[in-house]
Amino acid sequence: MTSVGAYQAKTHLPELLDRVAKGERICITRHGVPVAVLHPPEGVVRRDLKQVIDEIRSFRAGRRVGWREIRSWIAEGRD
């Protein structure tokens, strides 16, 4: 687990959150004493991006939408 000081955590919070979102755990210290731990939420499963893209492509295979259907959706959204 990586440790960072409170001041560094404050000034680099977006970067730390990106790292935590990727699964890393980060300990925040104040004067060398651990005071908090950043970690991803429990139960959240990150899916592989390539797998998600492949699933979308297989879902779209053979499906085509014409302009009439699109216009119908637009009109439906205006009601």
N, C-alpha and C. Protein backbone atom coordinates (compact mmCIF):
# COMPACT_ATOMS: atom_id res chain seq x y z
N MET A 1 0.86 -1.17 0.00
CA MET A 1 0.00 0.00 0.00
C MET A 1 0.90 1.23 0.00
N THR A 2 0.57 2.16 -0.86
CA THR A 2 1.31 3.41 -0.98
C THR A 2 0.89 4.37 0.13
N SER A 3 1.84 5.12 0.68
CA SER A 3 1.54 6.14 1.69
C SER A 3 1.85 7.51 1.13
N VAL A 4 0.97 8.47 1.42
CA VAL A 4 1.21 9.86 1.02
C VAL A 4 0.85 10.75 2.21
N GLY A 5 1.54 11.87 2.29
CA GLY A 5 1.24 12.84 3.34
C GLY A 5 -0.06 13.57 3.07
N ALA A 6 -0.64 14.13 4.12
CA ALA A 6 -1.92 14.83 4.00
C ALA A 6 -1.84 16.00 3.02
N TYR A 7 -0.75 16.77 3.07
CA TYR A 7 -0.61 17.91 2.16
C TYR A 7 -0.54 17.43 0.72
N GLN A 8 0.25 16.39 0.47
CA GLN A 8 0.36 15.84 -0.89
C GLN A 8 -0.99 15.29 -1.35
N ALA A 9 -1.71 14.63 -0.44
CA ALA A 9 -3.03 14.10 -0.79
C ALA A 9 -3.98 15.22 -1.18
N LYS A 10 -3.90 16.33 -0.44
CA LYS A 10 -4.78 17.47 -0.74
C LYS A 10 -4.45 18.07 -2.11
N THR A 11 -3.17 18.22 -2.40
CA THR A 11 -2.79 18.88 -3.64
C THR A 11 -2.88 17.97 -4.86
N HIS A 12 -2.90 16.65 -4.65
CA HIS A 12 -2.94 15.70 -5.77
C HIS A 12 -4.15 14.76 -5.69
N LEU A 13 -5.24 15.22 -5.10
CA LEU A 13 -6.40 14.37 -4.90
C LEU A 13 -6.95 13.76 -6.19
N PRO A 14 -7.13 14.52 -7.29
CA PRO A 14 -7.65 13.89 -8.51
C PRO A 14 -6.78 12.72 -8.99
N GLU A 15 -5.47 12.89 -8.94
CA GLU A 15 -4.56 11.82 -9.35
C GLU A 15 -4.70 10.61 -8.44
N LEU A 16 -4.81 10.85 -7.13
CA LEU A 16 -4.97 9.75 -6.18
C LEU A 16 -6.28 9.01 -6.41
N LEU A 17 -7.34 9.75 -6.69
CA LEU A 17 -8.64 9.12 -6.96
C LEU A 17 -8.59 8.26 -8.22
N ASP A 18 -7.87 8.71 -9.24
CA ASP A 18 -7.70 7.89 -10.45
C ASP A 18 -7.00 6.58 -10.12
N ARG A 19 -5.98 6.66 -9.29
CA ARG A 19 -5.24 5.45 -8.90
C ARG A 19 -6.12 4.51 -8.09
N VAL A 20 -6.92 5.06 -7.19
CA VAL A 20 -7.83 4.25 -6.38
C VAL A 20 -8.89 3.60 -7.27
N ALA A 21 -9.38 4.35 -8.26
CA ALA A 21 -10.38 3.81 -9.17
C ALA A 21 -9.85 2.60 -9.94
N LYS A 22 -8.54 2.53 -10.10
CA LYS A 22 -7.92 1.40 -10.79
C LYS A 22 -7.63 0.25 -9.84
N GLY A 23 -7.99 0.40 -8.57
CA GLY A 23 -7.86 -0.69 -7.61
C GLY A 23 -6.77 -0.53 -6.56
N GLU A 24 -6.01 0.54 -6.62
CA GLU A 24 -4.92 0.74 -5.66
C GLU A 24 -5.46 1.23 -4.31
N ARG A 25 -4.81 0.83 -3.24
CA ARG A 25 -5.13 1.33 -1.89
C ARG A 25 -4.04 2.32 -1.50
N ILE A 26 -4.45 3.45 -0.93
CA ILE A 26 -3.49 4.51 -0.57
C ILE A 26 -3.74 4.94 0.86
N CYS A 27 -2.68 4.92 1.65
CA CYS A 27 -2.74 5.36 3.05
C CYS A 27 -2.35 6.84 3.12
N ILE A 28 -3.16 7.64 3.80
CA ILE A 28 -2.86 9.05 3.99
C ILE A 28 -2.33 9.22 5.41
N THR A 29 -1.19 9.88 5.51
CA THR A 29 -0.56 10.07 6.82
C THR A 29 -0.49 11.55 7.18
N ARG A 30 -0.42 11.79 8.48
CA ARG A 30 -0.20 13.14 8.98
C ARG A 30 0.99 13.04 9.94
N HIS A 31 2.08 13.68 9.57
CA HIS A 31 3.32 13.61 10.35
C HIS A 31 3.78 12.16 10.53
N GLY A 32 3.61 11.37 9.46
CA GLY A 32 4.06 9.98 9.48
C GLY A 32 3.11 9.00 10.15
N VAL A 33 2.00 9.50 10.68
CA VAL A 33 1.03 8.62 11.36
C VAL A 33 -0.17 8.40 10.43
N PRO A 34 -0.51 7.15 10.14
CA PRO A 34 -1.67 6.89 9.26
C PRO A 34 -2.96 7.44 9.86
N VAL A 35 -3.72 8.16 9.03
CA VAL A 35 -4.99 8.72 9.49
C VAL A 35 -6.17 8.28 8.63
N ALA A 36 -5.91 7.81 7.41
CA ALA A 36 -7.00 7.39 6.53
C ALA A 36 -6.46 6.47 5.45
N VAL A 37 -7.37 5.69 4.88
CA VAL A 37 -7.02 4.82 3.77
C VAL A 37 -8.05 5.03 2.66
N LEU A 38 -7.55 5.32 1.46
CA LEU A 38 -8.43 5.41 0.29
C LEU A 38 -8.42 4.05 -0.38
N HIS A 39 -9.61 3.52 -0.67
CA HIS A 39 -9.70 2.24 -1.37
C HIS A 39 -10.99 2.22 -2.18
N PRO A 40 -11.04 1.37 -3.21
CA PRO A 40 -12.27 1.29 -4.02
C PRO A 40 -13.43 0.79 -3.17
N PRO A 41 -14.66 1.16 -3.50
CA PRO A 41 -15.81 0.70 -2.73
C PRO A 41 -15.97 -0.82 -2.85
N GLU A 42 -16.52 -1.42 -1.81
CA GLU A 42 -16.75 -2.86 -1.80
C GLU A 42 -17.84 -3.23 -2.80
N GLY A 43 -17.69 -4.37 -3.43
CA GLY A 43 -18.72 -4.88 -4.32
C GLY A 43 -18.74 -4.29 -5.71
N VAL A 44 -17.90 -3.33 -5.99
CA VAL A 44 -17.85 -2.75 -7.33
C VAL A 44 -16.88 -3.57 -8.17
N VAL A 45 -17.41 -4.13 -9.24
CA VAL A 45 -16.58 -4.95 -10.11
C VAL A 45 -16.25 -4.15 -11.36
N ARG A 46 -14.96 -3.93 -11.56
CA ARG A 46 -14.53 -3.22 -12.77
C ARG A 46 -14.44 -4.22 -13.89
N ARG A 47 -15.10 -3.90 -14.99
CA ARG A 47 -15.08 -4.80 -16.13
C ARG A 47 -13.99 -4.38 -17.10
N ASP A 48 -13.46 -5.36 -17.79
CA ASP A 48 -12.44 -5.12 -18.78
C ASP A 48 -13.05 -4.34 -19.95
N LEU A 49 -12.43 -3.23 -20.31
CA LEU A 49 -12.97 -2.36 -21.35
C LEU A 49 -13.10 -3.10 -22.68
N LYS A 50 -12.11 -3.89 -23.04
CA LYS A 50 -12.17 -4.64 -24.30
C LYS A 50 -13.36 -5.59 -24.31
N GLN A 51 -13.63 -6.24 -23.18
CA GLN A 51 -14.77 -7.15 -23.08
C GLN A 51 -16.09 -6.40 -23.28
N VAL A 52 -16.21 -5.23 -22.68
CA VAL A 52 -17.44 -4.43 -22.82
C VAL A 52 -17.63 -4.01 -24.27
N ILE A 53 -16.57 -3.57 -24.93
CA ILE A 53 -16.66 -3.17 -26.34
C ILE A 53 -17.07 -4.35 -27.20
N ASP A 54 -16.50 -5.52 -26.94
CA ASP A 54 -16.88 -6.72 -27.70
C ASP A 54 -18.35 -7.07 -27.49
N GLU A 55 -18.86 -6.92 -26.27
CA GLU A 55 -20.27 -7.19 -26.00
C GLU A 55 -21.18 -6.22 -26.74
N ILE A 56 -20.79 -4.95 -26.79
CA ILE A 56 -21.59 -3.95 -27.51
C ILE A 56 -21.61 -4.27 -29.00
N ARG A 57 -20.45 -4.63 -29.54
CA ARG A 57 -20.39 -4.97 -30.97
C ARG A 57 -21.24 -6.19 -31.30
N SER A 58 -21.21 -7.20 -30.43
CA SER A 58 -22.02 -8.40 -30.71
C SER A 58 -23.50 -8.07 -30.58
N PHE A 59 -23.87 -7.19 -29.67
CA PHE A 59 -25.27 -6.78 -29.53
C PHE A 59 -25.74 -6.05 -30.79
N ARG A 60 -24.87 -5.19 -31.34
CA ARG A 60 -25.23 -4.40 -32.52
C ARG A 60 -25.22 -5.19 -33.81
N ALA A 61 -24.60 -6.35 -33.83
CA ALA A 61 -24.46 -7.14 -35.06
C ALA A 61 -25.84 -7.45 -35.64
N GLY A 62 -26.04 -7.09 -36.89
CA GLY A 62 -27.29 -7.37 -37.57
C GLY A 62 -28.41 -6.40 -37.26
N ARG A 63 -28.20 -5.46 -36.39
CA ARG A 63 -29.24 -4.48 -36.07
C ARG A 63 -28.97 -3.20 -36.85
N ARG A 64 -29.94 -2.74 -37.57
CA ARG A 64 -29.84 -1.49 -38.31
C ARG A 64 -31.07 -0.64 -38.00
N VAL A 65 -30.86 0.66 -37.92
CA VAL A 65 -31.95 1.58 -37.63
C VAL A 65 -32.07 2.54 -38.80
N GLY A 66 -33.28 2.68 -39.31
CA GLY A 66 -33.52 3.58 -40.42
C GLY A 66 -33.88 4.98 -39.95
N TRP A 67 -33.89 5.90 -40.90
CA TRP A 67 -34.16 7.30 -40.54
C TRP A 67 -35.58 7.48 -40.01
N ARG A 68 -36.54 6.69 -40.50
CA ARG A 68 -37.92 6.82 -40.01
C ARG A 68 -38.02 6.45 -38.53
N GLU A 69 -37.32 5.41 -38.15
CA GLU A 69 -37.34 5.00 -36.76
C GLU A 69 -36.67 6.05 -35.87
N ILE A 70 -35.59 6.63 -36.34
CA ILE A 70 -34.91 7.69 -35.59
C ILE A 70 -35.83 8.89 -35.43
N ARG A 71 -36.50 9.30 -36.51
CA ARG A 71 -37.43 10.44 -36.44
C ARG A 71 -38.57 10.14 -35.46
N SER A 72 -39.02 8.89 -35.44
CA SER A 72 -40.08 8.49 -34.52
C SER A 72 -39.60 8.64 -33.08
N TRP A 73 -38.37 8.23 -32.80
CA TRP A 73 -37.81 8.36 -31.45
C TRP A 73 -37.69 9.81 -31.04
N ILE A 74 -37.28 10.66 -31.98
CA ILE A 74 -37.14 12.09 -31.69
C ILE A 74 -38.50 12.68 -31.35
N ALA A 75 -39.52 12.35 -32.16
CA ALA A 75 -40.87 12.85 -31.92
C ALA A 75 -41.38 12.34 -30.57
N GLU A 76 -41.10 11.09 -30.26
CA GLU A 76 -41.54 10.50 -29.00
C GLU A 76 -40.92 11.24 -27.82
N GLY A 77 -39.68 11.64 -27.96
CA GLY A 77 -38.99 12.34 -26.88
C GLY A 77 -39.50 13.75 -26.66
N ARG A 78 -40.18 14.30 -27.64
CA ARG A 78 -40.69 15.68 -27.52
C ARG A 78 -42.06 15.72 -26.86
N ASP A 79 -42.69 14.59 -26.72
CA ASP A 79 -44.03 14.56 -26.11
C ASP A 79 -43.98 14.73 -24.63
